[in-house]
Amino acid sequence: MNQQGYQINESTFWKVALSLALASFFTFASIYAVQPLFPVFVQDFDISISMASLSLSLTVIGLIVGLIVLGFLSDRYGRTIFIKLSIIGASVPLLFIPIIDSFTVILAIRFIQGFAFAGLPAAAIAYVSEEIHPKHVHVATALYIASNVFGGMMGRVFAGAVTDWLSWESYFYILTGVGVVIAGLVIASLPHSRSFTPSDLTFKHDIKSLKFHVTNPTLLLIFGLGIIFQLSFTGIWTYLPFYLQNSPFFLSLSAISFFFFAYGLGVIGSPFAGWLAGHFGLSKVRLIGTFIFSIGIWMTLMPWLWAVALGLCVLCSGFFTAHSLTASSIGDLVTHHKGSAASLYLVSYYIGVVFGSSALSPIWNAYDWQGLVLILGFLPPGYMLLVRLVLKRTKKV
């Protein structure tokens, strides 16, 4: 057995890679399953769109808190325990959501779920880097990240379809069953850590490393970019079901759910973006991806269903290109505490989810789809040009 890490020709490598992929699939399917269900929640619970959207944004807030807390703890007490507890802690609450009449209680459960979900992303990448041979880390990591996207996509698609065919309660029962099966597989298959070394640094040191980054103006600009990208992306997908249910389309929830297949472009888009950046430069490709993202957003203004579908595919391609390259640029901008810098970018990314899902209802109420799309389309390139201007002055582009 190679002490440098599991190699791709070893069965244990695939136990690690597939266990994390399954856990990732379930985690992100569960987080984003509620997004196409906002119109149903509005009707069934007689609540506002803003209230319905909290079923996603509070989950993500719980995730953000969990990333910070559980990330620190996993550095001290191990990786696998948090990965396994994450799947168990996220599966069990799903069973109670369909039988609760109070939407406020459902929101509390979703926050707790979000905190539990964080155990996986807080430990998974570090676990891979410690247990997999350096030559093959990128394979396991790529599979894990692709499963993030695939899980988020399929969670949305099946949520809409099952709700239309049966009920939203039925979907949560099904999701609970899937979670229990995946939890069993992960617990049985995920190998114990061989190369984990507990951190002897204090929490004070960890906080100091975070403070080091949040006082860096250049990094703050990049973190802001993560927020803007995700705010625009989440905002489009949050209000899309409300738009397509009404004139001139009048689509059913199951029909709307199939538009989420556009996310599939993210599975291939991120690796392709990395290849392009290697040939033409990260900054140029990221800028092009940003403008493609905005063009796709604006294409959804056209009053034809095929144009909306094409626009969603275009914006997904641009978003995953720009986002993946922004995330990968973090390491080039810092010389110390790179891990905490990457974590802060992830936090900023999820802050964008919170704002994109719950803070845009005044714009929607005042200006409808057209106003929302125009504003969200201008945000990414406008902010990106500001970032490029600042970074050029500091000679970091």
Protein backbone atom coordinates (compact mmCIF):
# COMPACT_ATOMS: atom_id res chain seq x y z
CA MET A 1 0.00 0.00 0.00
CA ASN A 2 1.49 3.33 -1.10
CA GLN A 3 1.93 5.61 1.94
CA GLN A 4 2.01 8.65 -0.34
CA GLY A 5 -1.69 8.14 -0.98
CA TYR A 6 -4.12 5.92 -2.82
CA GLN A 7 -3.45 5.66 -6.55
CA ILE A 8 -6.05 5.51 -9.28
CA ASN A 9 -5.43 1.80 -9.95
CA GLU A 10 -6.28 0.89 -6.33
CA SER A 11 -9.82 -0.04 -5.33
CA THR A 12 -9.53 2.14 -2.23
CA PHE A 13 -9.00 5.20 -4.43
CA TRP A 14 -12.40 4.59 -5.98
CA LYS A 15 -13.97 3.99 -2.58
CA VAL A 16 -12.79 7.44 -1.56
CA ALA A 17 -13.74 9.16 -4.82
CA LEU A 18 -17.17 7.55 -5.20
CA SER A 19 -18.09 7.90 -1.52
CA LEU A 20 -17.37 11.63 -1.63
CA ALA A 21 -19.15 11.95 -4.98
CA LEU A 22 -22.29 10.30 -3.59
CA ALA A 23 -22.18 12.42 -0.44
CA SER A 24 -21.70 15.53 -2.56
CA PHE A 25 -24.58 14.58 -4.86
CA PHE A 26 -27.00 14.14 -1.96
CA THR A 27 -25.83 17.25 -0.11
CA PHE A 28 -26.33 19.64 -3.00
CA ALA A 29 -29.51 17.93 -4.20
CA SER A 30 -30.96 18.50 -0.73
CA ILE A 31 -29.78 22.10 -0.43
CA TYR A 32 -31.22 23.26 -3.74
CA ALA A 33 -34.29 20.98 -3.99
CA VAL A 34 -36.51 23.73 -2.57
CA GLN A 35 -35.67 26.33 -5.24
CA PRO A 36 -38.23 25.23 -7.87
CA LEU A 37 -40.79 24.71 -5.08
CA PHE A 38 -41.05 28.37 -4.05
CA PRO A 39 -44.32 28.90 -5.99
CA VAL A 40 -45.79 25.81 -4.29
CA PHE A 41 -44.76 27.03 -0.83
CA VAL A 42 -46.29 30.45 -1.56
CA GLN A 43 -49.60 28.80 -2.42
CA ASP A 44 -49.71 26.01 0.18
CA PHE A 45 -48.57 28.06 3.17
CA ASP A 46 -50.05 31.40 2.04
CA ILE A 47 -46.72 33.20 2.38
CA SER A 48 -44.75 35.76 0.37
CA ILE A 49 -42.04 34.92 -2.16
CA SER A 50 -39.46 36.35 0.26
CA MET A 51 -40.67 34.03 3.01
CA ALA A 52 -40.63 31.01 0.69
CA SER A 53 -37.10 31.81 -0.45
CA LEU A 54 -35.86 31.61 3.14
CA SER A 55 -36.11 27.83 2.81
CA LEU A 56 -32.98 28.13 0.66
CA SER A 57 -31.25 31.18 2.10
CA LEU A 58 -31.49 30.05 5.75
CA THR A 59 -30.09 26.66 4.74
CA VAL A 60 -27.16 28.44 3.13
CA ILE A 61 -26.67 30.68 6.18
CA GLY A 62 -26.50 27.51 8.30
CA LEU A 63 -24.00 26.16 5.79
CA ILE A 64 -21.84 29.29 6.07
CA VAL A 65 -21.79 29.06 9.88
CA GLY A 66 -21.02 25.35 9.65
CA LEU A 67 -18.18 25.87 7.18
CA ILE A 68 -16.42 28.17 9.63
CA VAL A 69 -17.04 26.09 12.77
CA LEU A 70 -16.68 22.59 11.32
CA GLY A 71 -13.70 23.59 9.18
CA PHE A 72 -11.80 24.52 12.34
CA LEU A 73 -12.94 21.34 14.12
CA SER A 74 -12.05 19.01 11.24
CA ASP A 75 -8.48 20.33 11.33
CA ARG A 76 -8.27 19.13 14.92
CA TYR A 77 -10.44 16.03 15.22
CA GLY A 78 -10.31 14.40 11.79
CA ARG A 79 -12.06 14.40 8.43
CA THR A 80 -14.14 11.24 8.13
CA ILE A 81 -16.15 11.76 11.32
CA PHE A 82 -17.49 15.08 10.02
CA ILE A 83 -18.17 13.73 6.53
CA LYS A 84 -20.20 10.81 7.89
CA LEU A 85 -22.05 12.83 10.52
CA SER A 86 -22.86 15.41 7.85
CA ILE A 87 -24.81 12.91 5.75
CA ILE A 88 -26.64 11.46 8.76
CA GLY A 89 -27.44 14.87 10.21
CA ALA A 90 -28.74 16.11 6.87
CA SER A 91 -30.87 13.04 6.07
CA VAL A 92 -32.90 12.64 9.25
CA PRO A 93 -34.50 16.14 9.34
CA LEU A 94 -35.82 15.66 5.79
CA LEU A 95 -38.30 13.12 7.14
CA PHE A 96 -40.00 15.73 9.36
CA ILE A 97 -40.40 18.53 6.81
CA PRO A 98 -43.47 17.04 5.02
CA ILE A 99 -45.42 16.46 8.25
CA ILE A 100 -44.96 19.94 9.74
CA ASP A 101 -47.69 22.55 9.20
CA SER A 102 -45.67 25.56 10.32
CA PHE A 103 -43.40 27.04 7.67
CA THR A 104 -41.43 28.78 10.42
CA VAL A 105 -40.55 25.41 11.93
CA ILE A 106 -39.58 24.14 8.48
CA LEU A 107 -37.21 27.10 8.17
CA ALA A 108 -35.63 26.23 11.51
CA ILE A 109 -35.10 22.65 10.32
CA ARG A 110 -33.56 23.89 7.08
CA PHE A 111 -31.08 26.05 9.03
CA ILE A 112 -30.06 23.04 11.13
CA GLN A 113 -29.71 21.00 7.94
CA GLY A 114 -27.48 23.66 6.45
CA PHE A 115 -25.16 23.49 9.43
CA ALA A 116 -25.05 19.69 9.13
CA PHE A 117 -24.42 19.85 5.37
CA ALA A 118 -21.26 21.90 6.03
CA GLY A 119 -19.43 18.90 7.45
CA LEU A 120 -18.85 17.58 3.94
CA PRO A 121 -17.38 20.65 2.16
CA ALA A 122 -15.50 21.60 5.34
CA ALA A 123 -13.55 18.33 5.29
CA ALA A 124 -13.79 16.71 1.85
CA ILE A 125 -11.12 18.58 -0.13
CA ALA A 126 -8.63 18.38 2.76
CA TYR A 127 -9.36 14.64 3.11
CA VAL A 128 -8.69 14.08 -0.60
CA SER A 129 -5.42 16.03 -0.49
CA GLU A 130 -4.26 13.96 2.50
CA GLU A 131 -5.33 10.48 1.40
CA ILE A 132 -4.99 10.48 -2.42
CA HIS A 133 -1.64 10.33 -4.22
CA PRO A 134 -0.69 13.81 -5.51
CA LYS A 135 -0.73 12.56 -9.12
CA HIS A 136 -4.41 11.67 -8.84
CA VAL A 137 -5.81 14.32 -6.50
CA HIS A 138 -7.24 16.26 -9.44
CA VAL A 139 -9.29 13.23 -10.57
CA ALA A 140 -10.97 12.75 -7.19
CA THR A 141 -11.44 16.50 -6.76
CA ALA A 142 -12.97 16.91 -10.22
CA LEU A 143 -15.40 14.05 -9.55
CA TYR A 144 -16.38 15.63 -6.23
CA ILE A 145 -16.97 19.08 -7.75
CA ALA A 146 -18.85 17.65 -10.74
CA SER A 147 -21.10 15.83 -8.27
CA ASN A 148 -21.83 19.17 -6.56
CA VAL A 149 -23.20 20.52 -9.82
CA PHE A 150 -24.92 17.28 -10.82
CA GLY A 151 -26.57 16.94 -7.41
CA GLY A 152 -27.81 20.52 -7.44
CA MET A 153 -29.19 20.05 -10.93
CA MET A 154 -30.95 16.73 -10.32
CA GLY A 155 -32.31 17.88 -6.95
CA ARG A 156 -34.05 20.77 -8.69
CA VAL A 157 -35.24 18.72 -11.68
CA PHE A 158 -36.77 15.91 -9.64
CA ALA A 159 -38.24 18.29 -7.05
CA GLY A 160 -40.32 20.00 -9.71
CA ALA A 161 -41.25 16.82 -11.55
CA VAL A 162 -42.22 14.74 -8.49
CA THR A 163 -44.15 17.66 -6.98
CA ASP A 164 -46.17 18.05 -10.19
CA TRP A 165 -46.81 14.32 -10.53
CA LEU A 166 -47.35 13.53 -6.82
CA SER A 167 -46.71 16.22 -4.20
CA TRP A 168 -43.84 18.14 -2.66
CA GLU A 169 -44.24 16.05 0.49
CA SER A 170 -43.67 12.88 -1.56
CA TYR A 171 -40.45 14.32 -2.91
CA PHE A 172 -39.06 14.88 0.58
CA TYR A 173 -39.92 11.31 1.57
CA ILE A 174 -38.08 10.07 -1.52
CA LEU A 175 -35.12 12.34 -0.78
CA THR A 176 -34.99 11.01 2.78
CA GLY A 177 -34.80 7.45 1.45
CA VAL A 178 -32.02 8.39 -0.95
CA GLY A 179 -30.15 10.08 1.90
CA VAL A 180 -30.39 7.05 4.17
CA VAL A 181 -29.08 4.74 1.43
CA ILE A 182 -26.19 7.09 0.59
CA ALA A 183 -25.37 7.56 4.28
CA GLY A 184 -25.12 3.78 4.67
CA LEU A 185 -22.86 3.48 1.63
CA VAL A 186 -20.59 6.32 2.74
CA ILE A 187 -20.28 5.01 6.31
CA ALA A 188 -19.47 1.52 5.04
CA SER A 189 -17.10 2.52 2.22
CA LEU A 190 -15.20 5.67 3.19
CA PRO A 191 -11.74 4.63 4.47
CA HIS A 192 -10.41 5.96 7.75
CA SER A 193 -7.77 8.66 7.48
CA ARG A 194 -4.18 7.42 7.31
CA SER A 195 -2.39 10.72 6.81
CA PHE A 196 -4.37 13.11 8.99
CA THR A 197 -2.28 15.10 11.46
CA PRO A 198 -4.25 17.12 14.02
CA SER A 199 -3.53 20.82 13.90
CA ASP A 200 -1.77 22.15 16.99
CA LEU A 201 -2.66 25.73 16.14
CA THR A 202 -5.10 27.58 18.36
CA PHE A 203 -8.47 28.92 17.29
CA LYS A 204 -6.98 32.36 17.88
CA HIS A 205 -4.45 31.64 15.14
CA ASP A 206 -7.26 30.60 12.76
CA ILE A 207 -9.16 33.79 13.46
CA LYS A 208 -5.96 35.75 12.88
CA SER A 209 -5.55 34.14 9.46
CA LEU A 210 -9.12 35.13 8.54
CA LYS A 211 -8.47 38.69 9.71
CA PHE A 212 -5.31 38.73 7.58
CA HIS A 213 -7.43 38.20 4.46
CA VAL A 214 -10.40 40.44 5.21
CA THR A 215 -8.02 43.39 5.63
CA ASN A 216 -6.56 42.75 2.16
CA PRO A 217 -8.36 45.15 -0.27
CA THR A 218 -7.49 43.06 -3.32
CA LEU A 219 -8.93 39.89 -1.81
CA LEU A 220 -12.05 41.73 -0.70
CA LEU A 221 -12.64 42.71 -4.32
CA ILE A 222 -12.36 39.07 -5.38
CA PHE A 223 -14.68 37.95 -2.58
CA GLY A 224 -17.12 40.59 -3.81
CA LEU A 225 -16.88 39.10 -7.27
CA GLY A 226 -17.96 35.75 -5.85
CA ILE A 227 -20.96 37.42 -4.22
CA ILE A 228 -21.97 39.24 -7.42
CA PHE A 229 -21.65 36.16 -9.63
CA GLN A 230 -23.76 34.01 -7.34
CA LEU A 231 -26.29 36.75 -6.57
CA SER A 232 -27.07 37.18 -10.28
CA PHE A 233 -27.06 33.44 -10.95
CA THR A 234 -29.28 32.53 -8.00
CA GLY A 235 -31.59 35.47 -8.65
CA ILE A 236 -32.36 34.28 -12.17
CA TRP A 237 -33.09 30.70 -11.09
CA THR A 238 -35.13 31.78 -8.04
CA TYR A 239 -37.63 33.84 -10.04
CA LEU A 240 -37.61 31.75 -13.22
CA PRO A 241 -40.44 29.42 -12.03
CA PHE A 242 -42.67 32.42 -11.22
CA TYR A 243 -41.96 33.90 -14.66
CA LEU A 244 -42.57 30.72 -16.64
CA GLN A 245 -45.79 29.87 -14.80
CA ASN A 246 -47.41 33.05 -16.07
CA SER A 247 -48.07 34.73 -19.43
CA PRO A 248 -46.96 34.12 -22.13
CA PHE A 249 -45.76 30.60 -21.24
CA PHE A 250 -48.08 29.11 -18.56
CA LEU A 251 -45.78 26.14 -17.95
CA SER A 252 -46.36 23.44 -15.34
CA LEU A 253 -43.87 22.93 -12.53
CA SER A 254 -42.64 19.67 -14.05
CA ALA A 255 -42.01 21.40 -17.39
CA ILE A 256 -40.17 24.24 -15.65
CA SER A 257 -38.01 21.78 -13.71
CA PHE A 258 -36.45 20.47 -16.92
CA PHE A 259 -34.90 23.89 -17.57
CA PHE A 260 -32.54 23.11 -14.70
CA PHE A 261 -30.79 20.62 -16.98
CA ALA A 262 -28.89 23.67 -18.23
CA TYR A 263 -26.77 23.19 -15.10
CA GLY A 264 -25.23 20.19 -16.84
CA LEU A 265 -23.04 22.63 -18.76
CA GLY A 266 -21.33 23.36 -15.45
CA VAL A 267 -20.09 19.77 -15.23
CA ILE A 268 -18.08 20.19 -18.44
CA GLY A 269 -17.72 23.97 -18.33
CA SER A 270 -15.40 24.22 -15.32
CA PRO A 271 -12.68 21.82 -16.60
CA PHE A 272 -12.89 23.36 -20.08
CA ALA A 273 -12.48 26.82 -18.56
CA GLY A 274 -9.30 25.64 -16.86
CA TRP A 275 -7.95 24.37 -20.18
CA LEU A 276 -8.75 27.67 -21.92
CA ALA A 277 -7.14 29.67 -19.10
CA GLY A 278 -3.96 27.63 -19.49
CA HIS A 279 -3.77 28.58 -23.16
CA PHE A 280 -5.09 32.16 -23.23
CA GLY A 281 -4.66 33.45 -19.68
CA LEU A 282 -6.98 33.31 -16.68
CA SER A 283 -7.88 36.99 -16.67
CA LYS A 284 -8.96 37.09 -20.33
CA VAL A 285 -11.00 33.89 -20.17
CA ARG A 286 -12.68 34.99 -16.93
CA LEU A 287 -13.64 38.31 -18.50
CA ILE A 288 -15.09 36.56 -21.56
CA GLY A 289 -16.96 34.14 -19.30
CA THR A 290 -18.43 37.08 -17.39
CA PHE A 291 -19.78 38.72 -20.54
CA ILE A 292 -21.15 35.38 -21.79
CA PHE A 293 -22.90 35.05 -18.42
CA SER A 294 -24.57 38.45 -18.85
CA ILE A 295 -25.51 37.84 -22.48
CA GLY A 296 -27.23 34.62 -21.41
CA ILE A 297 -29.13 36.50 -18.69
CA TRP A 298 -30.36 39.10 -21.18
CA MET A 299 -31.36 36.43 -23.70
CA THR A 300 -34.08 35.31 -21.28
CA LEU A 301 -35.86 38.60 -22.00
CA MET A 302 -36.91 37.32 -25.43
CA PRO A 303 -40.57 36.18 -25.44
CA TRP A 304 -39.89 32.76 -26.95
CA LEU A 305 -39.42 29.60 -24.94
CA TRP A 306 -36.52 28.36 -27.07
CA ALA A 307 -34.71 31.67 -26.51
CA VAL A 308 -35.20 31.43 -22.74
CA ALA A 309 -33.87 27.85 -22.76
CA LEU A 310 -30.88 28.86 -24.89
CA GLY A 311 -30.22 31.87 -22.68
CA LEU A 312 -30.15 29.65 -19.59
CA CYS A 313 -27.61 27.36 -21.26
CA VAL A 314 -25.46 30.34 -22.25
CA LEU A 315 -25.58 31.93 -18.80
CA CYS A 316 -24.67 28.61 -17.14
CA SER A 317 -21.65 28.26 -19.43
CA GLY A 318 -20.50 31.78 -18.66
CA PHE A 319 -21.18 31.55 -14.94
CA PHE A 320 -19.31 28.31 -14.33
CA THR A 321 -16.39 29.58 -16.41
CA ALA A 322 -16.13 32.87 -14.52
CA HIS A 323 -16.77 31.36 -11.09
CA SER A 324 -14.33 28.44 -11.39
CA LEU A 325 -11.53 30.71 -12.62
CA THR A 326 -12.19 33.26 -9.89
CA ALA A 327 -11.98 30.51 -7.27
CA SER A 328 -8.74 29.17 -8.74
CA SER A 329 -7.18 32.66 -8.81
CA ILE A 330 -7.33 32.99 -5.01
CA GLY A 331 -4.15 30.98 -4.51
CA ASP A 332 -2.24 33.30 -6.85
CA LEU A 333 -3.22 36.39 -4.88
CA VAL A 334 -2.06 35.27 -1.43
CA THR A 335 1.22 33.99 -0.05
CA HIS A 336 0.05 32.96 3.43
CA HIS A 337 -2.97 31.09 4.84
CA LYS A 338 -4.14 29.96 1.41
CA GLY A 339 -6.62 27.49 2.87
CA SER A 340 -8.48 30.13 4.84
CA ALA A 341 -8.49 32.43 1.79
CA ALA A 342 -10.18 29.70 -0.26
CA SER A 343 -12.68 29.15 2.56
CA LEU A 344 -13.53 32.84 2.65
CA TYR A 345 -14.18 32.82 -1.10
CA LEU A 346 -16.54 29.88 -0.58
CA VAL A 347 -18.31 31.83 2.16
CA SER A 348 -18.65 34.86 -0.14
CA TYR A 349 -20.05 32.59 -2.85
CA TYR A 350 -22.76 31.37 -0.48
CA ILE A 351 -23.50 34.90 0.71
CA GLY A 352 -24.39 35.53 -2.92
CA VAL A 353 -26.85 32.62 -2.76
CA VAL A 354 -28.51 34.18 0.29
CA PHE A 355 -28.91 37.59 -1.35
CA GLY A 356 -29.90 36.12 -4.70
CA SER A 357 -32.66 34.01 -3.20
CA SER A 358 -34.13 36.38 -0.60
CA ALA A 359 -33.10 40.00 -1.21
CA LEU A 360 -34.43 40.57 -4.72
CA SER A 361 -38.19 40.40 -4.15
CA PRO A 362 -38.57 44.23 -4.03
CA ILE A 363 -37.08 44.42 -7.54
CA TRP A 364 -39.31 41.56 -8.71
CA ASN A 365 -42.42 43.17 -7.19
CA ALA A 366 -41.63 46.59 -8.68
CA TYR A 367 -40.23 45.74 -12.10
CA ASP A 368 -41.15 42.09 -12.77
CA TRP A 369 -38.89 39.78 -14.82
CA GLN A 370 -37.72 42.46 -17.26
CA GLY A 371 -36.39 44.79 -14.59
CA LEU A 372 -34.83 41.98 -12.58
CA VAL A 373 -33.02 40.57 -15.62
CA LEU A 374 -31.72 43.94 -16.77
CA ILE A 375 -30.23 44.69 -13.35
CA LEU A 376 -28.78 41.22 -12.77
CA GLY A 377 -27.28 41.22 -16.26
CA PHE A 378 -25.40 44.47 -15.66
CA LEU A 379 -23.96 43.54 -12.26
CA PRO A 380 -21.29 40.92 -13.24
CA PRO A 381 -19.56 42.80 -16.10
CA GLY A 382 -19.80 46.12 -14.26
CA TYR A 383 -18.16 44.74 -11.14
CA MET A 384 -15.65 42.70 -13.16
CA LEU A 385 -14.45 45.81 -14.99
CA LEU A 386 -14.01 47.52 -11.62
CA VAL A 387 -11.97 44.57 -10.35
CA ARG A 388 -9.76 44.57 -13.45
CA LEU A 389 -9.15 48.30 -13.13
CA VAL A 390 -8.07 47.99 -9.50
CA LEU A 391 -5.95 44.88 -10.05
CA LYS A 392 -4.20 46.43 -13.04
CA ARG A 393 -3.21 49.37 -10.87
CA THR A 394 -1.75 46.94 -8.34
CA LYS A 395 -0.24 44.87 -11.18
CA LYS A 396 -2.11 41.69 -10.20
CA VAL A 397 -3.84 41.05 -13.52
